[in-house]
Amino acid sequence: MSFSSSSFQFMTASVIHFGRGKAEQTLSEISKLGSPLLLVHGRDGKRVQWLSDALIGLGVDVVGFSVPREPDITLIEEGVAHARATRVRAVVSIGGGAVIDAGKALAALVPASRPIMDHLEVVGKGLPLDHEPLPFVALPTTAGTGAEVTKNAVLTVPDAARKVSLRDPRMLPNMAIVDPALTDNLPRAITLASGLDAVTQVIEPYLSRKANMLTDLICRDAIPKGMNALARLMEAEDKAARDGLAWTSLCGGLALANAGLGAVHGLAGVLGGVTGGAHGALCGALLPYVLRSNEEAVLSSEDLNEQMRASLNERIGFVKSCIGGALGCSADQAFDQLASWSRVNALPGLGELGLEAAQIPSVAEASAVSSSMKGNPLPLPRETLETILQAAS
């Protein structure tokens, strides 16, 4: 019996464009999606003026919408009202994961007749969309979330102090345009946090109980490539490493959308709502401690047959060898070295990101029932989750 399934389905964006120069090469395709077009961007719209000008030059009426923070219910409701008032017919997001998730949510909700809470998981009714989303294009400018090829948008619900997903298969983008040149010269702190998120999102699907043969193939290529690229970028700016990290991020989106995630994201989703900490930094802080806990759980579990135990041990061993190879240590030292390397490169711990010791029990309890936790290779008891949170603080 193999750990990963040989029977599966695989969903992704309708079209993926990958490579340097793809952002400019696909402008004509974008212009055909509809006009007016809602251009969703980060805090500073001047950074994407080149895209707005190019689309206007192709005859598109462009309506801008700024996402200055991780998207919450209020921001999305404002965007929906703005998009409806301007009668937009398509949505393009250019930015990091927060911007892409915001655009994805707007494309889904502008045609919808129900309020947003009817469609949110966990804190809402989780109902499917009642109308087809608007055409949506994603252009990531960070290498981290893989949101350009996923079917959900992560939104903050302040009243519940949670980050939850708006999810529907029809939310998969019509076009994902991954141009690594858009990530060149990103600040070092953003590169580290988003890069660790990208690496986490090829490790967790590889260890997920929902893994399949295709996601295995994607992840086994991307894990070493992503770790090596990230290690290089902490030393110097490097276009080849930017390409490798962009590839890893794309692979992470493909893998998580089809094989799920695990305890890192199960914890990070709750922590994001409680602390307001950046998602990538939260994932990076948690990763080495979750990996160690999973390794210990596999070794001690009485619920695994020996074939399954051997398969999981092989997978964890592969992850350890990839991390150790990138960081210049033995596989046995990999998890400890990842934690210390991250701190040396100024990744904050959970305490610095806003987690208070008194919050740890409630965060562990809420995380245990999060959707991402369903993919973890083995269930981790609440006491183990608390230990992870304490160690990562």
Protein backbone atom coordinates (compact mmCIF):
# COMPACT_ATOMS: atom_id res chain seq x y z
CA MET A 1 0.00 0.00 0.00
CA SER A 2 1.53 3.30 -1.09
CA PHE A 3 1.28 6.41 1.07
CA SER A 4 0.12 8.53 -1.90
CA SER A 5 -2.94 7.74 -3.96
CA SER A 6 -2.75 6.45 -7.54
CA SER A 7 -6.35 7.59 -8.08
CA PHE A 8 -6.92 11.35 -8.14
CA GLN A 9 -8.24 14.43 -9.91
CA PHE A 10 -6.16 17.53 -10.57
CA MET A 11 -7.49 21.08 -10.87
CA THR A 12 -5.66 24.28 -11.72
CA ALA A 13 -5.93 27.58 -13.57
CA SER A 14 -7.22 27.36 -17.14
CA VAL A 15 -3.91 28.65 -18.54
CA ILE A 16 -0.51 29.07 -16.88
CA HIS A 17 2.17 31.28 -18.42
CA PHE A 18 5.59 30.87 -16.77
CA GLY A 19 8.84 32.61 -17.60
CA ARG A 20 10.64 35.92 -17.77
CA GLY A 21 8.86 38.43 -19.98
CA LYS A 22 5.48 36.68 -19.78
CA ALA A 23 3.82 39.67 -18.10
CA GLU A 24 4.32 41.85 -21.18
CA GLN A 25 3.81 39.03 -23.68
CA THR A 26 0.31 38.24 -22.38
CA LEU A 27 -1.11 41.78 -22.38
CA SER A 28 -3.14 41.18 -25.51
CA GLU A 29 -4.78 38.11 -23.95
CA ILE A 30 -5.64 40.04 -20.80
CA SER A 31 -7.19 42.88 -22.80
CA LYS A 32 -9.71 40.48 -24.35
CA LEU A 33 -11.27 39.42 -21.05
CA GLY A 34 -13.58 42.40 -20.74
CA SER A 35 -13.83 46.15 -20.17
CA PRO A 36 -14.06 47.91 -17.77
CA LEU A 37 -11.44 45.85 -15.97
CA LEU A 38 -10.77 46.02 -12.24
CA LEU A 39 -7.01 46.22 -11.59
CA VAL A 40 -6.35 45.09 -8.02
CA HIS A 41 -2.97 46.12 -6.64
CA GLY A 42 -1.10 46.83 -3.42
CA ARG A 43 -0.84 50.04 -1.44
CA ASP A 44 1.09 51.97 -4.12
CA GLY A 45 -0.69 52.04 -7.46
CA LYS A 46 2.31 53.70 -9.10
CA ARG A 47 4.14 50.37 -9.07
CA VAL A 48 1.64 48.90 -11.52
CA GLN A 49 1.13 52.01 -13.63
CA TRP A 50 2.97 50.28 -16.48
CA LEU A 51 0.29 47.59 -16.60
CA SER A 52 -2.58 50.06 -16.40
CA ASP A 53 -1.09 52.19 -19.16
CA ALA A 54 -0.47 49.17 -21.37
CA LEU A 55 -4.06 47.93 -21.01
CA ILE A 56 -5.47 51.41 -21.66
CA GLY A 57 -3.32 51.50 -24.79
CA LEU A 58 -5.05 48.29 -25.88
CA GLY A 59 -8.48 49.91 -25.53
CA VAL A 60 -9.39 48.68 -22.02
CA ASP A 61 -11.08 50.92 -19.46
CA VAL A 62 -9.12 50.31 -16.25
CA VAL A 63 -10.59 50.79 -12.77
CA GLY A 64 -8.10 50.59 -9.90
CA PHE A 65 -8.59 49.13 -6.43
CA SER A 66 -5.94 49.21 -3.70
CA VAL A 67 -5.34 46.41 -1.18
CA PRO A 68 -3.10 48.04 1.45
CA ARG A 69 -3.35 45.15 3.94
CA GLU A 70 -4.27 41.49 4.13
CA PRO A 71 -7.89 41.36 2.95
CA ASP A 72 -10.66 41.38 5.52
CA ILE A 73 -14.43 41.38 5.20
CA THR A 74 -14.72 45.16 5.20
CA LEU A 75 -12.13 45.63 2.45
CA ILE A 76 -13.77 43.01 0.24
CA GLU A 77 -17.22 44.50 0.72
CA GLU A 78 -15.83 47.91 -0.26
CA GLY A 79 -14.24 46.38 -3.36
CA VAL A 80 -17.44 44.61 -4.37
CA ALA A 81 -19.41 47.87 -4.11
CA HIS A 82 -16.76 49.71 -6.12
CA ALA A 83 -16.67 47.02 -8.83
CA ARG A 84 -20.44 46.88 -9.14
CA ALA A 85 -20.71 50.67 -9.33
CA THR A 86 -18.22 50.77 -12.18
CA ARG A 87 -19.76 47.71 -13.89
CA VAL A 88 -16.45 45.88 -14.29
CA ARG A 89 -16.45 42.76 -16.45
CA ALA A 90 -13.11 41.20 -15.46
CA VAL A 91 -10.57 41.35 -12.63
CA VAL A 92 -6.76 41.35 -12.75
CA SER A 93 -4.65 41.13 -9.59
CA ILE A 94 -0.96 42.05 -9.58
CA GLY A 95 0.84 41.76 -6.26
CA GLY A 96 1.55 39.38 -3.41
CA GLY A 97 -0.73 36.71 -2.06
CA ALA A 98 -2.98 39.17 -0.23
CA VAL A 99 -3.62 41.12 -3.42
CA ILE A 100 -4.27 37.98 -5.44
CA ASP A 101 -6.64 36.59 -2.82
CA ALA A 102 -8.49 39.91 -2.70
CA GLY A 103 -8.90 39.94 -6.47
CA LYS A 104 -10.01 36.33 -6.49
CA ALA A 105 -12.64 37.09 -3.86
CA LEU A 106 -13.85 40.17 -5.74
CA ALA A 107 -14.17 38.25 -9.01
CA ALA A 108 -16.24 35.64 -7.17
CA LEU A 109 -18.46 37.98 -5.17
CA VAL A 110 -19.27 40.81 -7.59
CA PRO A 111 -21.83 38.63 -9.46
CA ALA A 112 -23.03 36.86 -6.28
CA SER A 113 -26.46 37.55 -4.82
CA ARG A 114 -25.73 36.37 -1.26
CA PRO A 115 -23.69 38.20 1.41
CA ILE A 116 -20.07 37.16 1.85
CA MET A 117 -20.64 35.37 5.17
CA ASP A 118 -22.93 32.89 3.44
CA HIS A 119 -19.95 31.60 1.48
CA LEU A 120 -17.13 31.62 4.07
CA GLU A 121 -15.86 28.40 5.63
CA VAL A 122 -15.72 27.77 9.40
CA VAL A 123 -17.31 31.06 10.53
CA GLY A 124 -19.95 31.30 7.79
CA LYS A 125 -22.35 28.94 6.03
CA GLY A 126 -19.83 27.63 3.51
CA LEU A 127 -22.36 27.74 0.66
CA PRO A 128 -21.14 27.44 -2.94
CA LEU A 129 -21.27 30.50 -5.14
CA ASP A 130 -24.65 31.07 -6.77
CA HIS A 131 -23.22 32.76 -9.90
CA GLU A 132 -20.16 32.25 -12.08
CA PRO A 133 -17.23 34.49 -11.06
CA LEU A 134 -15.96 37.22 -13.37
CA PRO A 135 -12.94 36.33 -15.52
CA PHE A 136 -9.86 36.58 -13.30
CA VAL A 137 -6.12 36.87 -14.00
CA ALA A 138 -3.35 36.65 -11.39
CA LEU A 139 0.17 38.09 -11.72
CA PRO A 140 2.21 37.36 -8.55
CA THR A 141 4.98 39.77 -7.63
CA THR A 142 6.26 37.64 -4.74
CA ALA A 143 7.32 33.99 -4.76
CA GLY A 144 5.37 32.55 -1.89
CA THR A 145 1.68 31.78 -1.75
CA GLY A 146 0.95 30.06 -5.07
CA ALA A 147 -2.45 31.80 -4.90
CA GLU A 148 -2.40 32.22 -8.67
CA VAL A 149 -3.38 28.55 -9.10
CA THR A 150 -5.65 27.88 -6.12
CA LYS A 151 -9.43 27.84 -5.80
CA ASN A 152 -9.72 29.76 -2.54
CA ALA A 153 -9.16 33.23 -1.12
CA VAL A 154 -7.99 33.62 2.48
CA LEU A 155 -9.83 36.44 4.26
CA THR A 156 -9.64 37.83 7.79
CA VAL A 157 -12.83 37.94 9.83
CA PRO A 158 -12.03 40.38 12.66
CA ASP A 159 -15.14 39.57 14.72
CA ALA A 160 -14.06 35.92 14.85
CA ALA A 161 -10.31 36.68 15.06
CA ARG A 162 -9.80 34.09 12.33
CA LYS A 163 -8.52 33.78 8.80
CA VAL A 164 -10.80 31.57 6.76
CA SER A 165 -11.32 30.70 3.11
CA LEU A 166 -13.83 31.63 0.50
CA ARG A 167 -13.61 28.50 -1.65
CA ASP A 168 -15.15 27.28 -4.88
CA PRO A 169 -13.63 25.34 -7.82
CA ARG A 170 -14.87 28.09 -10.15
CA MET A 171 -12.53 30.54 -8.42
CA LEU A 172 -9.51 29.01 -10.15
CA PRO A 173 -8.03 31.83 -12.27
CA ASN A 174 -8.64 31.94 -15.99
CA MET A 175 -4.98 32.85 -16.39
CA ALA A 176 -1.97 32.65 -14.07
CA ILE A 177 1.00 34.67 -15.30
CA VAL A 178 4.15 33.83 -13.34
CA ASP A 179 6.94 36.13 -14.48
CA PRO A 180 9.95 35.78 -12.13
CA ALA A 181 11.20 39.19 -13.26
CA LEU A 182 8.36 40.72 -11.23
CA THR A 183 10.06 39.36 -8.08
CA ASP A 184 13.57 40.66 -8.83
CA ASN A 185 15.15 42.74 -6.04
CA LEU A 186 12.38 42.17 -3.53
CA PRO A 187 13.42 43.23 -0.02
CA ARG A 188 15.31 40.52 1.82
CA ALA A 189 12.74 40.14 4.61
CA ILE A 190 9.90 39.64 2.12
CA THR A 191 11.99 37.18 0.12
CA LEU A 192 12.68 35.12 3.24
CA ALA A 193 9.14 35.05 4.61
CA SER A 194 7.42 34.45 1.28
CA GLY A 195 10.11 31.97 0.23
CA LEU A 196 9.64 29.91 3.39
CA ASP A 197 5.91 29.89 2.67
CA ALA A 198 6.65 28.59 -0.83
CA VAL A 199 8.92 25.86 0.53
CA THR A 200 6.36 24.92 3.17
CA GLN A 201 3.73 24.57 0.46
CA VAL A 202 5.71 21.94 -1.40
CA ILE A 203 6.74 20.11 1.78
CA GLU A 204 3.30 19.82 3.37
CA PRO A 205 1.51 18.42 0.29
CA TYR A 206 4.36 15.91 -0.09
CA LEU A 207 3.75 14.70 3.49
CA SER A 208 -0.03 15.09 3.27
CA ARG A 209 -2.31 12.10 3.69
CA LYS A 210 -4.04 13.42 0.53
CA ALA A 211 -0.87 13.21 -1.60
CA ASN A 212 -1.08 11.63 -5.04
CA MET A 213 1.36 10.60 -7.76
CA LEU A 214 1.18 13.90 -9.63
CA THR A 215 1.62 16.12 -6.57
CA ASP A 216 4.51 13.87 -5.50
CA LEU A 217 6.21 14.49 -8.83
CA ILE A 218 5.76 18.24 -8.52
CA CYS A 219 6.95 18.41 -4.93
CA ARG A 220 10.03 16.20 -5.26
CA ASP A 221 11.35 18.58 -7.93
CA ALA A 222 10.39 21.77 -6.13
CA ILE A 223 11.52 21.07 -2.54
CA PRO A 224 15.28 21.01 -3.25
CA LYS A 225 14.98 23.70 -5.92
CA GLY A 226 13.15 26.03 -3.54
CA MET A 227 15.47 25.47 -0.59
CA ASN A 228 18.58 26.00 -2.72
CA ALA A 229 17.13 29.15 -4.30
CA LEU A 230 16.14 30.63 -0.96
CA ALA A 231 19.53 29.91 0.58
CA ARG A 232 21.21 31.60 -2.38
CA LEU A 233 18.97 34.67 -2.19
CA MET A 234 19.89 35.17 1.46
CA GLU A 235 23.48 35.53 0.23
CA ALA A 236 22.98 37.71 -2.88
CA GLU A 237 20.50 38.79 -5.54
CA ASP A 238 20.42 36.13 -8.26
CA LYS A 239 18.05 35.90 -11.25
CA ALA A 240 18.42 32.13 -11.54
CA ALA A 241 17.48 31.78 -7.87
CA ARG A 242 14.49 34.10 -8.38
CA ASP A 243 13.37 31.83 -11.22
CA GLY A 244 13.76 28.77 -9.01
CA LEU A 245 11.79 30.29 -6.15
CA ALA A 246 9.01 31.45 -8.51
CA TRP A 247 8.81 27.89 -9.85
CA THR A 248 8.63 26.53 -6.29
CA SER A 249 5.82 28.93 -5.42
CA LEU A 250 3.84 27.90 -8.49
CA CYS A 251 4.40 24.23 -7.66
CA GLY A 252 3.24 24.86 -4.11
CA GLY A 253 -0.03 26.32 -5.34
CA LEU A 254 -0.56 23.39 -7.69
CA ALA A 255 0.24 20.86 -4.97
CA LEU A 256 -1.75 22.35 -2.10
CA ALA A 257 -4.82 22.83 -4.28
CA ASN A 258 -4.83 19.11 -5.01
CA ALA A 259 -3.22 17.43 -1.98
CA GLY A 260 -3.94 19.77 0.90
CA LEU A 261 -1.53 21.08 3.51
CA GLY A 262 -0.83 20.25 7.14
CA ALA A 263 -0.19 21.48 10.66
CA VAL A 264 1.97 24.46 9.66
CA HIS A 265 -0.94 26.03 7.81
CA GLY A 266 -3.47 24.73 10.31
CA LEU A 267 -1.68 26.73 12.99
CA ALA A 268 -0.77 29.69 10.78
CA GLY A 269 -4.37 30.31 9.75
CA VAL A 270 -5.47 30.74 13.34
CA LEU A 271 -2.35 32.69 14.29
CA GLY A 272 -2.93 35.14 11.44
CA GLY A 273 -6.33 36.06 12.81
CA VAL A 274 -5.11 36.27 16.41
CA THR A 275 -1.84 38.14 15.88
CA GLY A 276 -2.14 39.87 12.49
CA GLY A 277 1.32 38.51 11.69
CA ALA A 278 2.37 38.05 8.06
CA HIS A 279 1.38 34.60 6.82
CA GLY A 280 4.76 33.70 5.32
CA ALA A 281 6.63 34.67 8.48
CA LEU A 282 4.24 32.60 10.59
CA CYS A 283 4.74 29.57 8.36
CA GLY A 284 8.52 29.99 8.40
CA ALA A 285 8.61 30.21 12.18
CA LEU A 286 6.49 27.06 12.56
CA LEU A 287 8.00 24.85 9.85
CA PRO A 288 11.01 23.25 11.60
CA TYR A 289 9.04 22.48 14.76
CA VAL A 290 6.07 20.97 12.92
CA LEU A 291 8.42 18.82 10.85
CA ARG A 292 10.14 17.53 13.97
CA SER A 293 6.81 16.79 15.65
CA ASN A 294 5.58 14.92 12.58
CA GLU A 295 8.76 12.85 12.49
CA GLU A 296 8.34 11.94 16.17
CA ALA A 297 4.66 11.12 15.63
CA VAL A 298 5.45 8.75 12.77
CA LEU A 299 8.09 6.95 14.84
CA SER A 300 5.84 6.52 17.87
CA SER A 301 2.41 5.96 16.30
CA GLU A 302 0.72 2.63 16.96
CA ASP A 303 -1.85 3.26 14.22
CA LEU A 304 0.54 2.88 11.26
CA ASN A 305 1.40 -0.40 9.63
CA GLU A 306 5.08 -0.87 8.90
CA GLN A 307 4.73 -0.19 5.18
CA MET A 308 3.03 3.16 5.82
CA ARG A 309 5.58 4.02 8.50
CA ALA A 310 8.44 3.23 6.12
CA SER A 311 6.86 5.33 3.37
CA LEU A 312 6.42 8.34 5.64
CA ASN A 313 9.92 7.96 7.04
CA GLU A 314 11.29 7.97 3.50
CA ARG A 315 9.39 11.15 2.70
CA ILE A 316 10.53 12.91 5.85
CA GLY A 317 14.07 11.74 5.16
CA PHE A 318 13.90 13.26 1.68
CA VAL A 319 12.76 16.58 3.12
CA LYS A 320 15.58 16.49 5.68
CA SER A 321 18.17 15.79 2.99
CA CYS A 322 16.89 18.69 0.85
CA ILE A 323 17.02 21.13 3.77
CA GLY A 324 20.41 19.86 4.92
CA GLY A 325 21.84 20.04 1.41
CA ALA A 326 20.74 23.64 0.98
CA LEU A 327 21.95 24.76 4.41
CA GLY A 328 25.20 22.80 4.45
CA CYS A 329 24.49 20.37 7.28
CA SER A 330 23.66 16.69 7.73
CA ALA A 331 20.11 15.46 7.33
CA ASP A 332 19.95 14.70 11.06
CA GLN A 333 20.69 18.36 11.83
CA ALA A 334 18.35 19.76 9.19
CA PHE A 335 15.39 20.83 11.33
CA ASP A 336 17.53 22.46 14.02
CA GLN A 337 19.64 24.16 11.35
CA LEU A 338 16.54 25.46 9.54
CA ALA A 339 15.30 27.07 12.76
CA SER A 340 18.65 28.71 13.56
CA TRP A 341 19.30 29.74 9.93
CA SER A 342 15.90 31.43 9.77
CA ARG A 343 16.58 33.40 12.95
CA VAL A 344 20.09 34.37 11.79
CA ASN A 345 18.46 35.77 8.66
CA ALA A 346 16.11 37.85 10.84
CA LEU A 347 12.89 35.84 10.59
CA PRO A 348 10.84 36.79 13.67
CA GLY A 349 9.56 34.21 16.11
CA LEU A 350 5.89 33.88 16.99
CA GLY A 351 6.34 36.06 20.06
CA GLU A 352 7.74 38.87 17.94
CA LEU A 353 4.82 38.39 15.55
CA GLY A 354 2.35 39.03 18.35
CA LEU A 355 1.60 35.68 20.01
CA GLU A 356 1.28 35.91 23.79
CA ALA A 357 1.96 32.89 26.01
CA ALA A 358 -1.56 33.06 27.45
CA GLN A 359 -3.00 32.64 23.94
CA ILE A 360 -1.22 29.37 23.17
CA PRO A 361 -3.87 26.96 24.55
CA SER A 362 -6.74 28.63 22.69
CA VAL A 363 -4.74 28.84 19.44
CA ALA A 364 -3.89 25.14 19.69
CA GLU A 365 -7.52 24.24 20.34
CA ALA A 366 -8.80 26.27 17.38
CA SER A 367 -6.05 25.00 15.08
CA ALA A 368 -6.84 21.36 15.80
CA VAL A 369 -10.11 21.63 13.85
CA SER A 370 -8.86 23.85 11.00
CA SER A 371 -9.29 22.58 7.45
CA SER A 372 -5.55 22.47 6.70
CA MET A 373 -4.98 20.13 9.64
CA LYS A 374 -6.87 17.39 7.77
CA GLY A 375 -3.88 16.88 5.45
CA ASN A 376 -1.27 16.41 8.18
CA PRO A 377 0.28 12.93 7.88
CA LEU A 378 -0.95 12.04 11.38
CA PRO A 379 -3.26 13.83 13.82
CA LEU A 380 -1.25 15.86 16.33
CA PRO A 381 -2.78 16.13 19.82
CA ARG A 382 -3.44 19.54 21.29
CA GLU A 383 -0.55 19.13 23.72
CA THR A 384 1.83 18.69 20.78
CA LEU A 385 0.43 21.76 19.05
CA GLU A 386 1.03 23.76 22.22
CA THR A 387 4.63 22.50 22.35
CA ILE A 388 5.15 23.59 18.72
CA LEU A 389 3.78 27.04 19.46
CA GLN A 390 5.99 27.43 22.52
CA ALA A 391 9.11 26.32 20.65
CA ALA A 392 8.38 28.62 17.68
CA SER A 393 7.86 31.62 19.96
